[in-house]
Amino acid sequence: MRRPVREWLLTPAAVWCGFAVVHVYFLCWMASFFLHGWAFSDTEQYREWAMAGYNAPVTDAVSPWVYPVLAQVPIMLPRIAGHDLYLLAWTLMITVLDAVAMWFLLHRAHRPARGELPELVGGTPDDDAAGSRSGLSPRGPVAGGAPDDVEAGPAPGAASNGPGAAHGSSAVQSRRRSAVVAGWWWVVFTVFLGYLSFARVEGVAAPIVLIGLLYAVRRPVVGSALLSVATWIKVWPAAAVLAMVIALRQRARIVLTGIVVSAAVVGGVLVLGGIEHIAAFALNQGSRGMQLEATFSTPWVWAAVLGLWDSRIADNTAINSTEVYGPGVDVMASLMQPLLLLAVAGAAALLIRALRRGADRGRLVYAGTLLLTTVLIVFNKVGSPQFMVWLAPVVVVGLLHDRVRWLAPALLVLGTAAATFVIYPLFYTPLIHANPVMAAVLTVRNVLLVSLLVWTGRRIWELGSRTAVN
């Protein structure tokens, strides 16, 4: 009986069952709030914004707008359910977006585009060859990881095999299994960080980013459009756009698509009013110090725990943030922005080196997205728990395309998610009060993030090495 159960678990139907169980659980969790007319975590702030409107003046009841302008669409949409049921509508919206992204992952991402995989029809057994093991054909990535010029038409010999033959190839069967593995990984990740993804705008952006990454290499214009939309909801998807611009040949079309999307967003704001708020998400971050969970805050966290140098952990009530205070903190906070820019430049240089040395363009997009996203987290003076949600879409797509090599980052990110879950929502209050056990958990989380950064940097270096097996 074990084999039938194992085989069933490796089917899309099993993943959908897991997806349903997890999302019903979070719906029930949120019901303990919205049945009383309450909101949960940041959705309380979102409800205030939604009820006041985007152009409402800042008052004691309405905080300054801190997100890119397109975030007002998902924040305003649940208002149709009214004040008391805002959280219900928000939760259902996140669930629908997750379901759409999961559908693309399980039922579309493994399918080859026209002209892909002709040489693998009736080919190697599942996972026996290097190409099958990574989910790639000898000429490049398949279905969602195809060579970035696949739009030019079928490869020679493709027509004789036909699309039906390609869909039955062992490489596609391997990719179908990889999609299931990636789907299960996402379900498990949601178990740990659903409390954040269901209560933050990250929960809206993440499924859009996932679909955008599924199309990033195969259809760069579509991928760029989706990722540009996500960037106008939360800034971090710009990491994926930058990786595409560096790695893919259609960089002019990718950039043009981003410009068109941005022009449409700005034009819409001009028509609807509120253009003076277009850059508020960036300007309102200036008063931040070193947030408690930020990677570079770790020394001051331990100084507060040990009672050294008059260090402490306290709230910055002006922006509703918990920060560290002590000797050198202000200097560190002022250095974080240039450090972040330098780190992004260094990551971009590493990608360019790999590209010039013949690295596979598809693999470079995925690894580059993970590297740049991790840089945005590690070198950020904010370090909020929801930032861990940023990592999920690229790990899901990485597992889809190469589940063997992406096992290490997948485990690192799951470890990061588990540690973050212990921090928030379980024991955030003890952490604020400098509890040494929670300081240790936070340190482990930050070490895992740095380890992920190191792994990804090494992976890109290997992709750019002449002796590397891509």
Protein backbone atom coordinates (compact mmCIF):
# COMPACT_ATOMS: atom_id res chain seq x y z
CA MET A 1 0.00 0.00 0.00
CA ARG A 2 2.92 2.34 0.51
CA ARG A 3 3.70 2.62 -3.18
CA PRO A 4 0.16 3.67 -4.25
CA VAL A 5 0.13 6.29 -1.49
CA ARG A 6 3.53 7.59 -2.57
CA GLU A 7 2.43 7.66 -6.20
CA TRP A 8 -0.74 9.54 -5.27
CA LEU A 9 1.21 12.09 -3.26
CA LEU A 10 3.21 12.81 -6.42
CA THR A 11 0.11 13.87 -8.34
CA PRO A 12 -1.37 17.34 -8.80
CA ALA A 13 -4.57 16.16 -7.09
CA ALA A 14 -2.64 15.47 -3.88
CA VAL A 15 -1.06 18.93 -3.98
CA TRP A 16 -4.48 20.49 -4.46
CA CYS A 17 -5.74 18.60 -1.39
CA GLY A 18 -2.82 19.94 0.65
CA PHE A 19 -3.44 23.41 -0.76
CA ALA A 20 -7.10 23.23 0.25
CA VAL A 21 -6.37 22.02 3.78
CA VAL A 22 -3.84 24.80 4.44
CA HIS A 23 -5.98 27.56 2.98
CA VAL A 24 -9.14 26.40 4.77
CA TYR A 25 -7.15 26.41 8.01
CA PHE A 26 -6.09 30.03 7.48
CA LEU A 27 -9.63 30.99 6.51
CA CYS A 28 -10.83 29.51 9.82
CA TRP A 29 -8.03 31.33 11.65
CA MET A 30 -9.06 34.62 10.10
CA ALA A 31 -12.70 33.86 10.93
CA SER A 32 -11.83 34.19 14.62
CA PHE A 33 -11.17 37.85 13.79
CA PHE A 34 -13.60 38.89 11.05
CA LEU A 35 -16.62 37.28 12.76
CA HIS A 36 -16.11 39.91 15.44
CA GLY A 37 -15.58 42.69 12.90
CA TRP A 38 -11.84 42.76 13.58
CA ALA A 39 -8.85 42.77 11.25
CA PHE A 40 -5.57 40.89 11.74
CA SER A 41 -2.09 42.37 11.91
CA ASP A 42 -1.36 44.77 9.00
CA THR A 43 -4.81 44.29 7.51
CA GLU A 44 -6.03 46.69 10.22
CA GLN A 45 -3.90 49.40 8.60
CA TYR A 46 -5.05 48.34 5.13
CA ARG A 47 -8.67 48.63 6.23
CA GLU A 48 -8.05 52.16 7.50
CA TRP A 49 -6.50 53.15 4.18
CA ALA A 50 -9.30 51.47 2.22
CA MET A 51 -12.05 53.17 4.18
CA ALA A 52 -10.33 56.59 4.07
CA GLY A 53 -9.34 56.40 0.40
CA TYR A 54 -5.95 56.82 -1.26
CA ASN A 55 -6.00 60.62 -1.20
CA ALA A 56 -7.12 60.95 2.42
CA PRO A 57 -5.02 63.41 4.44
CA VAL A 58 -2.68 61.94 7.04
CA THR A 59 -4.26 62.13 10.50
CA ASP A 60 -3.92 60.33 13.82
CA ALA A 61 -6.30 57.70 12.45
CA VAL A 62 -4.74 57.36 8.98
CA SER A 63 -1.00 56.65 8.69
CA PRO A 64 1.13 57.76 5.72
CA TRP A 65 0.95 55.55 2.62
CA VAL A 66 4.07 53.35 2.51
CA TYR A 67 3.52 51.11 -0.54
CA PRO A 68 3.91 51.66 -4.29
CA VAL A 69 0.77 53.15 -5.79
CA LEU A 70 -0.60 49.98 -7.44
CA ALA A 71 -0.93 48.33 -4.02
CA GLN A 72 -4.04 50.45 -3.54
CA VAL A 73 -5.91 48.12 -5.94
CA PRO A 74 -5.74 44.99 -3.73
CA ILE A 75 -6.04 47.12 -0.59
CA MET A 76 -9.15 48.94 -1.82
CA LEU A 77 -10.83 45.90 -3.41
CA PRO A 78 -11.90 44.14 -0.14
CA ARG A 79 -13.72 47.33 0.82
CA ILE A 80 -16.68 46.00 -1.19
CA ALA A 81 -17.37 43.61 1.72
CA GLY A 82 -17.65 46.51 4.16
CA HIS A 83 -15.71 47.43 7.28
CA ASP A 84 -16.49 44.37 9.42
CA LEU A 85 -15.89 41.76 6.68
CA TYR A 86 -12.85 43.43 5.15
CA LEU A 87 -10.56 40.65 6.45
CA LEU A 88 -12.79 37.95 4.96
CA ALA A 89 -12.65 39.56 1.52
CA TRP A 90 -8.89 40.05 1.87
CA THR A 91 -8.34 36.38 2.79
CA LEU A 92 -10.48 35.17 -0.11
CA MET A 93 -8.56 37.43 -2.50
CA ILE A 94 -5.22 35.97 -1.39
CA THR A 95 -6.64 32.44 -1.69
CA VAL A 96 -7.82 33.06 -5.26
CA LEU A 97 -4.44 34.51 -6.28
CA ASP A 98 -2.62 31.54 -4.74
CA ALA A 99 -4.95 29.12 -6.52
CA VAL A 100 -4.33 30.77 -9.90
CA ALA A 101 -0.56 30.62 -9.38
CA MET A 102 -0.75 26.98 -8.26
CA TRP A 103 -2.82 26.13 -11.33
CA PHE A 104 -0.18 27.63 -13.62
CA LEU A 105 2.53 25.72 -11.76
CA LEU A 106 0.84 22.32 -11.79
CA HIS A 107 -1.03 22.38 -15.10
CA ARG A 108 0.86 24.71 -17.46
CA ALA A 109 4.49 25.17 -16.46
CA HIS A 110 5.63 21.65 -17.37
CA ARG A 111 4.25 21.81 -20.92
CA PRO A 112 6.84 22.49 -23.63
CA ALA A 113 6.40 25.32 -26.05
CA ARG A 114 6.34 24.69 -29.77
CA GLY A 115 9.71 23.43 -30.96
CA GLU A 116 10.98 22.25 -27.58
CA LEU A 117 12.25 18.79 -26.67
CA PRO A 118 12.14 17.09 -30.10
CA GLU A 119 15.38 15.23 -29.37
CA LEU A 120 14.05 13.82 -26.08
CA VAL A 121 10.92 12.10 -27.42
CA GLY A 122 11.06 8.55 -26.18
CA GLY A 123 14.36 9.55 -24.61
CA THR A 124 16.10 8.93 -21.34
CA PRO A 125 14.38 7.49 -18.28
CA ASP A 126 13.13 9.93 -15.70
CA ASP A 127 16.08 11.66 -14.04
CA ASP A 128 18.67 9.33 -15.62
CA ALA A 129 20.31 11.98 -17.79
CA ALA A 130 21.74 15.30 -16.77
CA GLY A 131 19.25 17.18 -18.94
CA SER A 132 16.32 15.29 -17.48
CA ARG A 133 17.76 15.59 -13.99
CA SER A 134 17.70 19.37 -14.21
CA GLY A 135 14.47 19.54 -16.18
CA LEU A 136 16.36 20.87 -19.21
CA SER A 137 16.88 19.72 -22.74
CA PRO A 138 20.46 19.57 -24.09
CA ARG A 139 19.84 22.87 -25.88
CA GLY A 140 18.41 24.70 -22.88
CA PRO A 141 15.55 24.90 -20.42
CA VAL A 142 12.13 23.52 -21.27
CA ALA A 143 8.61 24.76 -20.69
CA GLY A 144 8.98 27.99 -18.84
CA GLY A 145 12.74 27.71 -18.96
CA ALA A 146 13.12 27.53 -22.71
CA PRO A 147 15.92 29.31 -24.53
CA ASP A 148 15.03 32.96 -24.57
CA ASP A 149 14.73 33.01 -28.34
CA VAL A 150 12.15 30.23 -28.47
CA GLU A 151 9.61 32.65 -29.87
CA ALA A 152 11.48 32.57 -33.18
CA GLY A 153 9.76 29.29 -34.05
CA PRO A 154 10.20 25.52 -33.88
CA ALA A 155 13.60 24.00 -33.62
CA PRO A 156 14.72 21.90 -36.59
CA GLY A 157 12.99 18.57 -36.56
CA ALA A 158 10.28 19.63 -34.16
CA ALA A 159 7.47 19.38 -36.66
CA SER A 160 8.09 15.70 -37.37
CA ASN A 161 7.53 14.80 -33.76
CA GLY A 162 4.44 16.93 -33.14
CA PRO A 163 3.30 18.53 -29.94
CA GLY A 164 1.69 15.34 -28.68
CA ALA A 165 4.97 13.48 -28.84
CA ALA A 166 6.81 16.20 -27.01
CA HIS A 167 4.22 16.20 -24.26
CA GLY A 168 4.81 12.48 -23.74
CA SER A 169 8.59 12.71 -23.49
CA SER A 170 10.33 11.49 -20.37
CA ALA A 171 11.76 14.99 -19.80
CA VAL A 172 8.23 16.40 -19.63
CA GLN A 173 7.22 13.61 -17.26
CA SER A 174 10.16 14.59 -15.08
CA ARG A 175 9.11 18.24 -15.23
CA ARG A 176 5.55 17.25 -14.27
CA ARG A 177 6.94 15.54 -11.18
CA SER A 178 9.13 18.56 -10.45
CA ALA A 179 6.03 20.77 -10.61
CA VAL A 180 4.37 18.55 -7.99
CA VAL A 181 7.45 18.68 -5.75
CA ALA A 182 7.55 22.47 -6.11
CA GLY A 183 3.84 22.66 -5.33
CA TRP A 184 4.27 20.63 -2.15
CA TRP A 185 7.20 22.83 -1.13
CA TRP A 186 5.00 25.90 -1.50
CA VAL A 187 2.24 24.29 0.58
CA VAL A 188 4.70 23.50 3.40
CA PHE A 189 6.17 27.00 3.18
CA THR A 190 2.66 28.45 3.54
CA VAL A 191 2.11 26.42 6.72
CA PHE A 192 4.94 28.42 8.34
CA LEU A 193 4.47 31.84 6.77
CA GLY A 194 0.77 31.91 5.98
CA TYR A 195 0.28 34.15 9.00
CA LEU A 196 2.36 36.73 7.15
CA SER A 197 1.35 36.14 3.54
CA PHE A 198 -2.34 36.32 4.48
CA ALA A 199 -1.83 39.55 6.41
CA ARG A 200 0.58 41.51 4.20
CA VAL A 201 0.67 42.87 0.66
CA GLU A 202 3.41 40.28 0.02
CA GLY A 203 0.59 37.74 -0.18
CA VAL A 204 -0.75 39.62 -3.22
CA ALA A 205 2.60 40.16 -4.94
CA ALA A 206 4.04 36.64 -4.42
CA PRO A 207 1.63 34.68 -6.67
CA ILE A 208 1.94 37.34 -9.38
CA VAL A 209 5.73 37.06 -9.17
CA LEU A 210 5.49 33.27 -9.37
CA ILE A 211 3.48 33.40 -12.60
CA GLY A 212 5.80 36.09 -13.96
CA LEU A 213 8.85 33.91 -13.26
CA LEU A 214 7.18 30.92 -14.93
CA TYR A 215 6.98 33.06 -18.09
CA ALA A 216 10.21 35.02 -17.60
CA VAL A 217 12.42 32.98 -19.91
CA ARG A 218 9.83 31.44 -22.18
CA ARG A 219 7.86 34.63 -22.86
CA PRO A 220 9.99 37.53 -21.57
CA VAL A 221 7.49 40.25 -22.49
CA VAL A 222 4.69 38.54 -20.56
CA GLY A 223 7.03 37.85 -17.66
CA SER A 224 8.26 41.44 -17.60
CA ALA A 225 4.70 42.80 -17.66
CA LEU A 226 3.62 40.66 -14.71
CA LEU A 227 6.78 41.39 -12.72
CA SER A 228 6.47 45.12 -13.44
CA VAL A 229 2.90 45.09 -12.14
CA ALA A 230 4.12 43.26 -9.02
CA THR A 231 6.90 45.85 -8.59
CA TRP A 232 4.29 48.60 -8.45
CA ILE A 233 2.66 46.65 -5.61
CA LYS A 234 5.87 45.88 -3.69
CA VAL A 235 9.33 46.94 -4.82
CA TRP A 236 11.17 43.62 -4.43
CA PRO A 237 9.99 41.99 -7.74
CA ALA A 238 12.30 44.47 -9.47
CA ALA A 239 15.05 41.97 -8.58
CA ALA A 240 13.58 39.50 -11.07
CA VAL A 241 13.27 42.18 -13.75
CA LEU A 242 16.92 43.13 -13.30
CA ALA A 243 17.98 39.48 -13.57
CA MET A 244 16.00 39.19 -16.82
CA VAL A 245 17.53 42.38 -18.25
CA ILE A 246 21.03 41.08 -17.54
CA ALA A 247 20.59 37.48 -18.66
CA LEU A 248 18.18 37.49 -21.61
CA ARG A 249 18.68 38.63 -25.18
CA GLN A 250 15.35 40.46 -25.35
CA ARG A 251 16.44 43.03 -22.78
CA ALA A 252 15.21 45.94 -24.91
CA ARG A 253 11.69 44.47 -25.02
CA ILE A 254 11.84 43.68 -21.30
CA VAL A 255 12.77 47.26 -20.44
CA LEU A 256 10.21 48.69 -22.86
CA THR A 257 7.49 46.53 -21.31
CA GLY A 258 8.42 47.80 -17.85
CA ILE A 259 8.30 51.39 -19.09
CA VAL A 260 4.87 50.85 -20.67
CA VAL A 261 3.48 49.33 -17.46
CA SER A 262 4.96 52.14 -15.38
CA ALA A 263 3.56 54.78 -17.75
CA ALA A 264 0.12 53.18 -17.51
CA VAL A 265 0.30 53.21 -13.71
CA VAL A 266 1.41 56.86 -13.56
CA GLY A 267 -1.21 57.81 -16.12
CA GLY A 268 -3.91 56.12 -14.08
CA VAL A 269 -2.81 57.99 -10.96
CA LEU A 270 -2.89 61.27 -12.90
CA VAL A 271 -6.44 60.59 -14.03
CA LEU A 272 -7.69 59.43 -10.63
CA GLY A 273 -5.71 61.99 -8.62
CA GLY A 274 -3.02 61.63 -5.99
CA ILE A 275 0.08 62.00 -8.18
CA GLU A 276 1.80 63.74 -5.25
CA HIS A 277 1.82 60.34 -3.47
CA ILE A 278 3.50 58.46 -6.33
CA ALA A 279 6.89 58.32 -4.56
CA ALA A 280 5.56 58.25 -0.99
CA PHE A 281 6.57 54.59 -0.54
CA ALA A 282 10.23 55.59 -0.90
CA LEU A 283 10.16 58.94 0.89
CA ASN A 284 8.38 57.58 3.96
CA GLN A 285 11.21 55.13 4.68
CA GLY A 286 13.77 57.80 5.48
CA SER A 287 13.04 58.03 9.22
CA ARG A 288 13.66 54.34 9.81
CA GLY A 289 16.54 53.19 11.97
CA MET A 290 17.90 49.66 12.29
CA GLN A 291 14.89 47.40 12.71
CA LEU A 292 15.10 44.61 15.26
CA GLU A 293 15.00 41.71 12.77
CA ALA A 294 17.45 43.16 10.23
CA THR A 295 20.52 41.03 9.61
CA PHE A 296 22.94 43.83 10.46
CA SER A 297 21.08 44.53 13.71
CA THR A 298 22.19 41.22 15.24
CA PRO A 299 25.17 42.63 17.22
CA TRP A 300 22.95 45.25 18.89
CA VAL A 301 20.29 42.63 19.64
CA TRP A 302 22.86 40.62 21.61
CA ALA A 303 24.21 43.79 23.22
CA ALA A 304 20.68 44.50 24.47
CA VAL A 305 20.32 40.91 25.69
CA LEU A 306 23.63 41.11 27.58
CA GLY A 307 23.07 44.66 28.80
CA LEU A 308 26.14 46.08 27.05
CA TRP A 309 26.86 49.65 25.88
CA ASP A 310 23.44 50.94 26.98
CA SER A 311 21.92 49.09 24.02
CA ARG A 312 18.19 48.47 23.99
CA ILE A 313 15.26 47.37 21.88
CA ALA A 314 12.38 49.85 21.67
CA ASP A 315 9.50 50.98 19.48
CA ASN A 316 9.75 53.74 16.91
CA THR A 317 6.17 54.89 17.39
CA ALA A 318 6.30 57.33 14.47
CA ILE A 319 6.39 54.49 11.95
CA ASN A 320 5.13 51.60 14.11
CA SER A 321 8.46 49.76 14.05
CA THR A 322 10.64 48.04 16.66
CA GLU A 323 14.29 49.06 16.38
CA VAL A 324 17.62 48.61 18.14
CA TYR A 325 19.38 51.50 19.86
CA GLY A 326 22.95 51.84 21.04
CA PRO A 327 26.42 53.12 20.11
CA GLY A 328 26.96 53.17 16.36
CA VAL A 329 23.37 52.32 15.38
CA ASP A 330 22.75 55.67 13.68
CA VAL A 331 25.96 55.31 11.68
CA MET A 332 25.01 51.79 10.65
CA ALA A 333 21.55 52.94 9.59
CA SER A 334 23.04 55.69 7.43
CA LEU A 335 25.40 53.20 5.79
CA MET A 336 22.78 50.60 4.92
CA GLN A 337 21.46 52.33 1.80
CA PRO A 338 24.90 52.66 0.12
CA LEU A 339 25.77 49.12 1.27
CA LEU A 340 22.59 47.83 -0.35
CA LEU A 341 23.37 49.62 -3.61
CA LEU A 342 26.92 48.25 -3.60
CA ALA A 343 25.64 44.74 -2.92
CA VAL A 344 23.15 44.97 -5.81
CA ALA A 345 25.93 46.25 -8.09
CA GLY A 346 28.17 43.37 -6.99
CA ALA A 347 25.42 40.82 -7.65
CA ALA A 348 24.80 42.33 -11.10
CA ALA A 349 28.52 42.16 -11.87
CA LEU A 350 28.55 38.49 -10.88
CA LEU A 351 25.65 37.81 -13.24
CA ILE A 352 27.36 39.67 -16.09
CA ARG A 353 30.54 37.66 -15.54
CA ALA A 354 28.59 34.40 -15.70
CA LEU A 355 26.76 35.50 -18.85
CA ARG A 356 29.97 36.47 -20.65
CA ARG A 357 31.45 33.09 -19.78
CA GLY A 358 28.58 31.25 -21.45
CA ALA A 359 26.25 30.48 -18.56
CA ASP A 360 22.83 29.13 -19.47
CA ARG A 361 20.53 32.15 -19.69
CA GLY A 362 17.49 30.47 -18.16
CA ARG A 363 19.38 29.18 -15.13
CA LEU A 364 20.98 32.59 -14.76
CA VAL A 365 17.57 34.30 -14.54
CA TYR A 366 16.42 32.05 -11.70
CA ALA A 367 19.68 32.03 -9.76
CA GLY A 368 20.09 35.76 -10.35
CA THR A 369 16.59 36.47 -9.06
CA LEU A 370 17.33 34.50 -5.90
CA LEU A 371 20.66 36.27 -5.42
CA LEU A 372 19.26 39.78 -5.90
CA THR A 373 16.22 39.05 -3.73
CA THR A 374 18.40 37.72 -0.93
CA VAL A 375 20.63 40.79 -1.24
CA LEU A 376 17.56 43.00 -0.79
CA ILE A 377 16.80 41.15 2.46
CA VAL A 378 20.28 40.72 3.95
CA PHE A 379 21.41 44.32 3.25
CA ASN A 380 18.11 45.89 4.32
CA LYS A 381 17.85 47.93 7.51
CA VAL A 382 14.20 46.93 7.87
CA GLY A 383 14.22 43.12 7.87
CA SER A 384 10.51 42.60 8.56
CA PRO A 385 9.36 38.96 8.92
CA GLN A 386 7.21 39.16 5.78
CA PHE A 387 10.34 39.69 3.71
CA MET A 388 10.84 35.91 3.84
CA VAL A 389 7.78 35.59 1.58
CA TRP A 390 9.87 37.21 -1.16
CA LEU A 391 11.97 34.06 -1.45
CA ALA A 392 9.11 31.63 -2.09
CA PRO A 393 8.27 32.30 -5.77
CA VAL A 394 11.83 31.96 -7.05
CA VAL A 395 12.47 28.79 -5.01
CA VAL A 396 9.27 27.25 -6.42
CA VAL A 397 10.38 28.02 -9.99
CA GLY A 398 13.93 26.85 -9.21
CA LEU A 399 12.62 23.50 -7.99
CA LEU A 400 10.50 23.20 -11.10
CA HIS A 401 13.48 23.62 -13.41
CA ASP A 402 16.16 21.81 -11.42
CA ARG A 403 14.88 20.14 -8.28
CA VAL A 404 18.20 18.43 -7.58
CA ARG A 405 20.43 21.51 -7.50
CA TRP A 406 17.74 23.67 -5.89
CA LEU A 407 17.26 21.28 -2.98
CA ALA A 408 19.84 23.16 -0.87
CA PRO A 409 18.24 26.63 -1.19
CA ALA A 410 14.78 25.08 -0.78
CA LEU A 411 15.82 23.58 2.58
CA LEU A 412 17.53 26.81 3.64
CA VAL A 413 14.42 28.84 2.89
CA LEU A 414 12.19 26.34 4.72
CA GLY A 415 14.51 26.63 7.72
CA THR A 416 14.29 30.40 7.45
CA ALA A 417 10.48 30.17 7.28
CA ALA A 418 10.33 27.90 10.35
CA ALA A 419 12.57 30.23 12.37
CA THR A 420 10.52 33.23 11.26
CA PHE A 421 7.33 31.45 12.33
CA VAL A 422 8.78 31.01 15.82
CA ILE A 423 9.61 34.72 15.88
CA TYR A 424 6.27 35.86 14.45
CA PRO A 425 3.53 35.20 15.37
CA LEU A 426 4.59 32.91 18.23
CA PHE A 427 7.15 34.72 20.38
CA TYR A 428 7.64 38.22 19.05
CA THR A 429 6.90 39.84 22.42
CA PRO A 430 9.72 37.97 24.23
CA LEU A 431 12.06 38.98 21.40
CA ILE A 432 11.14 42.63 21.89
CA HIS A 433 11.99 42.21 25.59
CA ALA A 434 15.47 40.86 24.72
CA ASN A 435 14.80 37.21 25.55
CA PRO A 436 18.07 35.32 24.94
CA VAL A 437 16.37 32.22 23.49
CA MET A 438 14.48 34.31 20.95
CA ALA A 439 17.62 36.29 20.18
CA ALA A 440 19.25 32.95 19.37
CA VAL A 441 16.35 31.99 17.08
CA LEU A 442 16.64 35.33 15.29
CA THR A 443 20.39 34.82 14.92
CA VAL A 444 19.83 31.37 13.40
CA ARG A 445 17.33 32.89 10.97
CA ASN A 446 19.85 35.55 9.92
CA VAL A 447 22.65 32.99 9.57
CA LEU A 448 20.41 30.94 7.28
CA LEU A 449 19.80 34.04 5.15
CA VAL A 450 23.53 34.72 4.85
CA SER A 451 24.09 31.03 4.00
CA LEU A 452 21.49 31.32 1.25
CA LEU A 453 23.28 34.39 -0.09
CA VAL A 454 26.59 32.51 -0.12
CA TRP A 455 25.08 29.43 -1.81
CA THR A 456 23.48 31.52 -4.53
CA GLY A 457 26.65 33.51 -5.15
CA ARG A 458 28.65 30.29 -5.49
CA ARG A 459 26.03 28.83 -7.83
CA ILE A 460 26.25 31.81 -10.17
CA TRP A 461 30.05 31.70 -10.02
CA GLU A 462 29.89 28.03 -11.04
CA LEU A 463 27.50 28.81 -13.88
CA GLY A 464 30.14 31.21 -15.19
CA SER A 465 33.03 28.75 -14.88
CA ARG A 466 34.21 27.08 -18.06
CA THR A 467 34.60 23.76 -16.26
CA ALA A 468 31.12 23.89 -14.70
CA VAL A 469 28.40 21.47 -15.75
CA ASN A 470 25.40 23.78 -16.13
